[in-house]
Amino acid sequence: MGSNVFGNPITTKTLEQMPEYIGKKITRTDRAHVAMNMKNAEGKDVKAREFVEDLKEKWGNGVSTLCVIYNATGDTIRHVGSHDWYGHIGDSPYPSEIANGQWGAFLHVKTSGASSGSVAATVYRGLNEAGQVCDWMLSWYNPWSRLFDDNQAYTEIREGHHYEEDHWDYIYNILKNKGLSYTDNWNGCISSVSTGSSTSPIFEGVMKLVDA
């Protein structure tokens, strides 16, 4: 795991040490449920936020998006793609893997010297309860001009490899009108995102299973 993931992975072995799961067949949804219950355990959420706030401080002034995303899907998810409409990833890359029960953190920033904002999407691949491959897409819209515009957040879940095709114009037109929070429920999976209304907001995403 990289330096920009926070928290101990929640695995089958984790649950086997818990009284309520002793002798029980542990499912992916069980692991996801415990991960949701332990979303803020041992200060891992605070550590993720402090990490990305430190990235922001080192980067300096200007439009940027401080991203923290949580995995409660029951298994490790893997980064499989991203798309920049405006801006680019900061000094820390997208976490390549985020284990169940971990936060990932990264900073997305405007292009230096350009009158543009931080508008992008990232894609993570995991499994639903039935073991089918699904891709979680999380996106943020943080414009440079604030006169007639505000931040937006949008997410959706589709079948594995969906975002290897060029859906980005379609997604952008949805994203720029979605508001500060959004939740998608698809094929037994849920993805929720929210953002603040400042030039450098915290963008938070949570990926989980329906019964978690």
C-alpha atoms as a PDB file:
ATOM      1  CA  MET A   1       0.000   0.000   0.000  1.00  0.00           C
ATOM      2  CA  GLY A   2       1.160   3.540  -0.683  1.00  0.00           C
ATOM      3  CA  SER A   3       1.856   6.338   1.755  1.00  0.00           C
ATOM      4  CA  ASN A   4      -1.438   8.036   0.883  1.00  0.00           C
ATOM      5  CA  VAL A   5      -3.726   5.322   2.281  1.00  0.00           C
ATOM      6  CA  PHE A   6      -4.785   5.317   5.931  1.00  0.00           C
ATOM      7  CA  GLY A   7      -6.121   2.681   8.298  1.00  0.00           C
ATOM      8  CA  ASN A   8      -5.628  -1.039   8.781  1.00  0.00           C
ATOM      9  CA  PRO A   9      -7.246  -3.246   6.130  1.00  0.00           C
ATOM     10  CA  ILE A  10     -10.432  -4.938   7.322  1.00  0.00           C
ATOM     11  CA  THR A  11     -10.244  -8.540   6.166  1.00  0.00           C
ATOM     12  CA  THR A  12     -11.849 -11.875   6.930  1.00  0.00           C
ATOM     13  CA  LYS A  13      -9.194 -12.367   9.615  1.00  0.00           C
ATOM     14  CA  THR A  14     -10.280  -9.071  11.200  1.00  0.00           C
ATOM     15  CA  LEU A  15     -13.845 -10.308  11.491  1.00  0.00           C
ATOM     16  CA  GLU A  16     -12.803 -13.723  12.790  1.00  0.00           C
ATOM     17  CA  GLN A  17     -11.490 -11.945  15.900  1.00  0.00           C
ATOM     18  CA  MET A  18     -14.881 -10.331  16.562  1.00  0.00           C
ATOM     19  CA  PRO A  19     -17.328 -12.244  18.828  1.00  0.00           C
ATOM     20  CA  GLU A  20     -20.324 -11.736  16.552  1.00  0.00           C
ATOM     21  CA  TYR A  21     -18.565 -13.425  13.618  1.00  0.00           C
ATOM     22  CA  ILE A  22     -17.005 -16.429  15.386  1.00  0.00           C
ATOM     23  CA  GLY A  23     -18.150 -19.612  13.653  1.00  0.00           C
ATOM     24  CA  LYS A  24     -19.980 -17.671  10.942  1.00  0.00           C
ATOM     25  CA  LYS A  25     -19.287 -17.839   7.218  1.00  0.00           C
ATOM     26  CA  ILE A  26     -17.984 -14.350   6.497  1.00  0.00           C
ATOM     27  CA  THR A  27     -19.164 -12.691   3.303  1.00  0.00           C
ATOM     28  CA  ARG A  28     -18.009  -9.710   1.295  1.00  0.00           C
ATOM     29  CA  THR A  29     -20.985  -7.763   2.666  1.00  0.00           C
ATOM     30  CA  ASP A  30     -19.949  -8.624   6.229  1.00  0.00           C
ATOM     31  CA  ARG A  31     -16.499  -7.147   5.589  1.00  0.00           C
ATOM     32  CA  ALA A  32     -18.076  -4.091   3.980  1.00  0.00           C
ATOM     33  CA  HIS A  33     -20.453  -3.639   6.929  1.00  0.00           C
ATOM     34  CA  VAL A  34     -17.616  -3.704   9.457  1.00  0.00           C
ATOM     35  CA  ALA A  35     -15.644  -1.264   7.298  1.00  0.00           C
ATOM     36  CA  MET A  36     -18.552   1.192   7.363  1.00  0.00           C
ATOM     37  CA  ASN A  37     -18.868   0.850  11.126  1.00  0.00           C
ATOM     38  CA  MET A  38     -15.144   1.542  11.465  1.00  0.00           C
ATOM     39  CA  LYS A  39     -15.074   4.391   8.939  1.00  0.00           C
ATOM     40  CA  ASN A  40     -13.561   6.827  11.455  1.00  0.00           C
ATOM     41  CA  ALA A  41     -11.832   4.330  13.751  1.00  0.00           C
ATOM     42  CA  GLU A  42      -8.417   5.125  15.222  1.00  0.00           C
ATOM     43  CA  GLY A  43      -8.431   8.569  13.631  1.00  0.00           C
ATOM     44  CA  LYS A  44      -7.762   7.263  10.133  1.00  0.00           C
ATOM     45  CA  ASP A  45     -10.185   9.764   8.615  1.00  0.00           C
ATOM     46  CA  VAL A  46      -8.384  12.605  10.381  1.00  0.00           C
ATOM     47  CA  LYS A  47      -4.991  11.327   9.193  1.00  0.00           C
ATOM     48  CA  ALA A  48      -6.214  11.233   5.580  1.00  0.00           C
ATOM     49  CA  ARG A  49      -7.507  14.784   5.799  1.00  0.00           C
ATOM     50  CA  GLU A  50      -4.345  16.061   7.472  1.00  0.00           C
ATOM     51  CA  PHE A  51      -2.272  14.416   4.745  1.00  0.00           C
ATOM     52  CA  VAL A  52      -4.135  16.141   1.923  1.00  0.00           C
ATOM     53  CA  GLU A  53      -4.213  19.458   3.806  1.00  0.00           C
ATOM     54  CA  ASP A  54      -0.428  19.224   4.095  1.00  0.00           C
ATOM     55  CA  LEU A  55      -0.195  18.602   0.336  1.00  0.00           C
ATOM     56  CA  LYS A  56      -2.286  21.709  -0.214  1.00  0.00           C
ATOM     57  CA  GLU A  57      -0.117  23.830   2.072  1.00  0.00           C
ATOM     58  CA  LYS A  58       3.033  22.724   0.262  1.00  0.00           C
ATOM     59  CA  TRP A  59       1.464  23.338  -3.148  1.00  0.00           C
ATOM     60  CA  GLY A  60       0.381  26.903  -2.359  1.00  0.00           C
ATOM     61  CA  ASN A  61      -2.467  29.203  -3.362  1.00  0.00           C
ATOM     62  CA  GLY A  62      -4.935  28.620  -6.164  1.00  0.00           C
ATOM     63  CA  VAL A  63      -7.904  26.446  -7.043  1.00  0.00           C
ATOM     64  CA  SER A  64      -7.433  22.880  -5.820  1.00  0.00           C
ATOM     65  CA  THR A  65      -9.526  19.942  -4.641  1.00  0.00           C
ATOM     66  CA  LEU A  66      -8.550  18.059  -1.472  1.00  0.00           C
ATOM     67  CA  CYS A  67      -9.811  14.530  -2.093  1.00  0.00           C
ATOM     68  CA  VAL A  68     -10.392  11.788   0.486  1.00  0.00           C
ATOM     69  CA  ILE A  69     -12.133   8.567  -0.547  1.00  0.00           C
ATOM     70  CA  TYR A  70     -13.134   5.554   1.551  1.00  0.00           C
ATOM     71  CA  ASN A  71     -13.443   1.908   0.583  1.00  0.00           C
ATOM     72  CA  ALA A  72     -16.170  -0.152   2.243  1.00  0.00           C
ATOM     73  CA  THR A  73     -16.751  -2.606  -0.603  1.00  0.00           C
ATOM     74  CA  GLY A  74     -15.479  -5.632   1.300  1.00  0.00           C
ATOM     75  CA  ASP A  75     -12.363  -6.076  -0.857  1.00  0.00           C
ATOM     76  CA  THR A  76      -9.387  -4.104  -2.116  1.00  0.00           C
ATOM     77  CA  ILE A  77     -10.224  -1.711  -4.945  1.00  0.00           C
ATOM     78  CA  ARG A  78      -7.697  -0.738  -7.632  1.00  0.00           C
ATOM     79  CA  HIS A  79      -7.191   2.489  -9.541  1.00  0.00           C
ATOM     80  CA  VAL A  80      -7.875   1.875 -13.215  1.00  0.00           C
ATOM     81  CA  GLY A  81      -8.228   5.331 -14.730  1.00  0.00           C
ATOM     82  CA  SER A  82      -8.729   9.069 -14.447  1.00  0.00           C
ATOM     83  CA  HIS A  83      -9.707  11.992 -16.623  1.00  0.00           C
ATOM     84  CA  ASP A  84      -8.751  15.673 -16.388  1.00  0.00           C
ATOM     85  CA  TRP A  85     -11.030  18.276 -17.895  1.00  0.00           C
ATOM     86  CA  TYR A  86      -9.116  21.065 -16.135  1.00  0.00           C
ATOM     87  CA  GLY A  87      -6.038  20.810 -13.921  1.00  0.00           C
ATOM     88  CA  HIS A  88      -4.017  17.760 -12.960  1.00  0.00           C
ATOM     89  CA  ILE A  89      -3.072  15.489 -10.061  1.00  0.00           C
ATOM     90  CA  GLY A  90      -0.772  17.080  -7.469  1.00  0.00           C
ATOM     91  CA  ASP A  91       2.445  15.767  -5.910  1.00  0.00           C
ATOM     92  CA  SER A  92       0.863  12.572  -4.558  1.00  0.00           C
ATOM     93  CA  PRO A  93      -0.608  10.157  -7.135  1.00  0.00           C
ATOM     94  CA  TYR A  94      -4.004   8.520  -7.042  1.00  0.00           C
ATOM     95  CA  PRO A  95      -3.667   5.591  -4.588  1.00  0.00           C
ATOM     96  CA  SER A  96      -3.058   2.508  -6.737  1.00  0.00           C
ATOM     97  CA  GLU A  97      -4.893   0.294  -4.236  1.00  0.00           C
ATOM     98  CA  ILE A  98      -7.200   1.022  -1.307  1.00  0.00           C
ATOM     99  CA  ALA A  99      -7.962  -1.934   0.944  1.00  0.00           C
ATOM    100  CA  ASN A 100     -11.365  -2.466   2.522  1.00  0.00           C
ATOM    101  CA  GLY A 101     -11.547  -0.159   5.533  1.00  0.00           C
ATOM    102  CA  GLN A 102      -8.955   2.315   4.278  1.00  0.00           C
ATOM    103  CA  TRP A 103      -9.054   5.961   3.248  1.00  0.00           C
ATOM    104  CA  GLY A 104      -7.143   7.167   0.210  1.00  0.00           C
ATOM    105  CA  ALA A 105      -6.078  10.821  -0.126  1.00  0.00           C
ATOM    106  CA  PHE A 106      -4.791  12.968  -2.988  1.00  0.00           C
ATOM    107  CA  LEU A 107      -4.717  16.576  -4.162  1.00  0.00           C
ATOM    108  CA  HIS A 108      -5.947  17.724  -7.572  1.00  0.00           C
ATOM    109  CA  VAL A 109      -4.825  21.217  -8.642  1.00  0.00           C
ATOM    110  CA  LYS A 110      -5.360  23.843 -11.322  1.00  0.00           C
ATOM    111  CA  THR A 111      -2.801  24.230 -14.092  1.00  0.00           C
ATOM    112  CA  SER A 112      -0.175  26.781 -13.099  1.00  0.00           C
ATOM    113  CA  GLY A 113      -0.537  30.090 -14.921  1.00  0.00           C
ATOM    114  CA  ALA A 114      -3.881  29.147 -16.479  1.00  0.00           C
ATOM    115  CA  SER A 115      -7.300  30.605 -15.754  1.00  0.00           C
ATOM    116  CA  SER A 116      -8.792  27.176 -15.182  1.00  0.00           C
ATOM    117  CA  GLY A 117     -10.011  25.155 -12.260  1.00  0.00           C
ATOM    118  CA  SER A 118      -9.771  21.632 -10.896  1.00  0.00           C
ATOM    119  CA  VAL A 119     -12.279  19.450 -12.735  1.00  0.00           C
ATOM    120  CA  ALA A 120     -11.564  15.721 -12.985  1.00  0.00           C
ATOM    121  CA  ALA A 121     -12.642  12.146 -12.376  1.00  0.00           C
ATOM    122  CA  THR A 122     -11.034   9.019 -10.985  1.00  0.00           C
ATOM    123  CA  VAL A 123     -12.082   5.384 -11.451  1.00  0.00           C
ATOM    124  CA  TYR A 124     -11.663   2.432  -9.081  1.00  0.00           C
ATOM    125  CA  ARG A 125     -12.447  -1.206  -9.826  1.00  0.00           C
ATOM    126  CA  GLY A 126     -13.892  -3.669  -7.334  1.00  0.00           C
ATOM    127  CA  LEU A 127     -16.555  -6.341  -6.897  1.00  0.00           C
ATOM    128  CA  ASN A 128     -20.195  -6.418  -5.898  1.00  0.00           C
ATOM    129  CA  GLU A 129     -21.533  -9.024  -3.441  1.00  0.00           C
ATOM    130  CA  ALA A 130     -21.997 -11.537  -6.269  1.00  0.00           C
ATOM    131  CA  GLY A 131     -18.360 -11.154  -7.326  1.00  0.00           C
ATOM    132  CA  GLN A 132     -19.117  -9.217 -10.513  1.00  0.00           C
ATOM    133  CA  VAL A 133     -16.538  -6.615 -11.553  1.00  0.00           C
ATOM    134  CA  CYS A 134     -17.765  -3.024 -11.143  1.00  0.00           C
ATOM    135  CA  ASP A 135     -16.122   0.350 -11.726  1.00  0.00           C
ATOM    136  CA  TRP A 136     -16.743   3.272  -9.366  1.00  0.00           C
ATOM    137  CA  MET A 137     -16.323   6.699 -11.003  1.00  0.00           C
ATOM    138  CA  LEU A 138     -16.005   9.747  -8.720  1.00  0.00           C
ATOM    139  CA  SER A 139     -15.784  13.251 -10.154  1.00  0.00           C
ATOM    140  CA  TRP A 140     -15.516  16.860  -8.978  1.00  0.00           C
ATOM    141  CA  TYR A 141     -16.121  20.256 -10.574  1.00  0.00           C
ATOM    142  CA  ASN A 142     -14.196  23.098  -8.960  1.00  0.00           C
ATOM    143  CA  PRO A 143     -14.216  26.026 -11.419  1.00  0.00           C
ATOM    144  CA  TRP A 144     -11.752  28.889 -11.602  1.00  0.00           C
ATOM    145  CA  SER A 145     -14.447  31.586 -11.959  1.00  0.00           C
ATOM    146  CA  ARG A 146     -16.901  31.796  -9.042  1.00  0.00           C
ATOM    147  CA  LEU A 147     -19.142  34.560 -10.438  1.00  0.00           C
ATOM    148  CA  PHE A 148     -21.875  32.396 -11.946  1.00  0.00           C
ATOM    149  CA  ASP A 149     -20.707  28.924 -10.979  1.00  0.00           C
ATOM    150  CA  ASP A 150     -20.279  26.740  -7.912  1.00  0.00           C
ATOM    151  CA  ASN A 151     -18.648  23.442  -7.107  1.00  0.00           C
ATOM    152  CA  GLN A 152     -20.330  20.191  -8.085  1.00  0.00           C
ATOM    153  CA  ALA A 153     -19.850  16.492  -7.344  1.00  0.00           C
ATOM    154  CA  TYR A 154     -21.016  13.449  -9.282  1.00  0.00           C
ATOM    155  CA  THR A 155     -20.468   9.700  -9.110  1.00  0.00           C
ATOM    156  CA  GLU A 156     -21.735   6.603 -10.838  1.00  0.00           C
ATOM    157  CA  ILE A 157     -21.068   2.858 -10.892  1.00  0.00           C
ATOM    158  CA  ARG A 158     -21.026   0.755 -14.035  1.00  0.00           C
ATOM    159  CA  GLU A 159     -19.801  -2.616 -15.241  1.00  0.00           C
ATOM    160  CA  GLY A 160     -16.067  -3.277 -15.245  1.00  0.00           C
ATOM    161  CA  HIS A 161     -14.091  -1.544 -18.040  1.00  0.00           C
ATOM    162  CA  HIS A 162     -16.995   0.818 -18.818  1.00  0.00           C
ATOM    163  CA  TYR A 163     -14.792   3.910 -18.554  1.00  0.00           C
ATOM    164  CA  GLU A 164     -12.230   2.585 -21.002  1.00  0.00           C
ATOM    165  CA  GLU A 165     -14.608   3.963 -23.624  1.00  0.00           C
ATOM    166  CA  ASP A 166     -14.870   7.733 -24.068  1.00  0.00           C
ATOM    167  CA  HIS A 167     -17.880   8.749 -21.963  1.00  0.00           C
ATOM    168  CA  TRP A 168     -16.217  11.912 -20.655  1.00  0.00           C
ATOM    169  CA  ASP A 169     -18.179  14.565 -22.582  1.00  0.00           C
ATOM    170  CA  TYR A 170     -21.402  12.948 -21.407  1.00  0.00           C
ATOM    171  CA  ILE A 171     -20.192  12.803 -17.793  1.00  0.00           C
ATOM    172  CA  TYR A 172     -18.961  16.405 -17.856  1.00  0.00           C
ATOM    173  CA  ASN A 173     -22.392  17.675 -18.917  1.00  0.00           C
ATOM    174  CA  ILE A 174     -23.955  15.834 -15.977  1.00  0.00           C
ATOM    175  CA  LEU A 175     -21.243  16.798 -13.479  1.00  0.00           C
ATOM    176  CA  LYS A 176     -21.430  20.557 -13.987  1.00  0.00           C
ATOM    177  CA  ASN A 177     -25.090  20.645 -12.912  1.00  0.00           C
ATOM    178  CA  LYS A 178     -25.271  18.120 -10.072  1.00  0.00           C
ATOM    179  CA  GLY A 179     -24.862  20.138  -6.856  1.00  0.00           C
ATOM    180  CA  LEU A 180     -22.632  19.640  -3.832  1.00  0.00           C
ATOM    181  CA  SER A 181     -23.483  15.978  -3.242  1.00  0.00           C
ATOM    182  CA  TYR A 182     -24.697  12.947  -5.126  1.00  0.00           C
ATOM    183  CA  THR A 183     -25.287   9.224  -4.546  1.00  0.00           C
ATOM    184  CA  ASP A 184     -25.556   6.412  -7.088  1.00  0.00           C
ATOM    185  CA  ASN A 185     -26.971   2.940  -6.383  1.00  0.00           C
ATOM    186  CA  TRP A 186     -26.251   0.330  -9.057  1.00  0.00           C
ATOM    187  CA  ASN A 187     -25.999  -3.473  -9.175  1.00  0.00           C
ATOM    188  CA  GLY A 188     -25.691  -3.891  -5.421  1.00  0.00           C
ATOM    189  CA  CYS A 189     -23.169  -1.074  -5.021  1.00  0.00           C
ATOM    190  CA  ILE A 190     -23.426   2.467  -3.661  1.00  0.00           C
ATOM    191  CA  SER A 191     -21.160   5.440  -4.268  1.00  0.00           C
ATOM    192  CA  SER A 192     -21.617   8.778  -2.484  1.00  0.00           C
ATOM    193  CA  VAL A 193     -19.678  12.006  -3.038  1.00  0.00           C
ATOM    194  CA  SER A 194     -19.796  15.484  -1.529  1.00  0.00           C
ATOM    195  CA  THR A 195     -17.799  18.680  -1.815  1.00  0.00           C
ATOM    196  CA  GLY A 196     -17.617  22.099  -0.215  1.00  0.00           C
ATOM    197  CA  SER A 197     -18.308  25.462  -1.809  1.00  0.00           C
ATOM    198  CA  SER A 198     -14.851  27.059  -1.601  1.00  0.00           C
ATOM    199  CA  THR A 199     -11.914  27.374  -3.995  1.00  0.00           C
ATOM    200  CA  SER A 200     -10.087  24.529  -2.203  1.00  0.00           C
ATOM    201  CA  PRO A 201     -12.774  22.261  -0.751  1.00  0.00           C
ATOM    202  CA  ILE A 202     -12.619  18.816   0.756  1.00  0.00           C
ATOM    203  CA  PHE A 203     -14.106  16.325  -1.702  1.00  0.00           C
ATOM    204  CA  GLU A 204     -15.219  13.128   0.040  1.00  0.00           C
ATOM    205  CA  GLY A 205     -16.215   9.872  -1.604  1.00  0.00           C
ATOM    206  CA  VAL A 206     -17.454   6.636  -0.039  1.00  0.00           C
ATOM    207  CA  MET A 207     -17.709   3.387  -2.000  1.00  0.00           C
ATOM    208  CA  LYS A 208     -19.653   0.523  -0.425  1.00  0.00           C
ATOM    209  CA  LEU A 209     -22.074  -2.343  -0.945  1.00  0.00           C
ATOM    210  CA  VAL A 210     -25.836  -1.859  -0.617  1.00  0.00           C
ATOM    211  CA  ASP A 211     -26.246  -3.837   2.613  1.00  0.00           C
ATOM    212  CA  ALA A 212     -23.101  -2.475   4.274  1.00  0.00           C
END
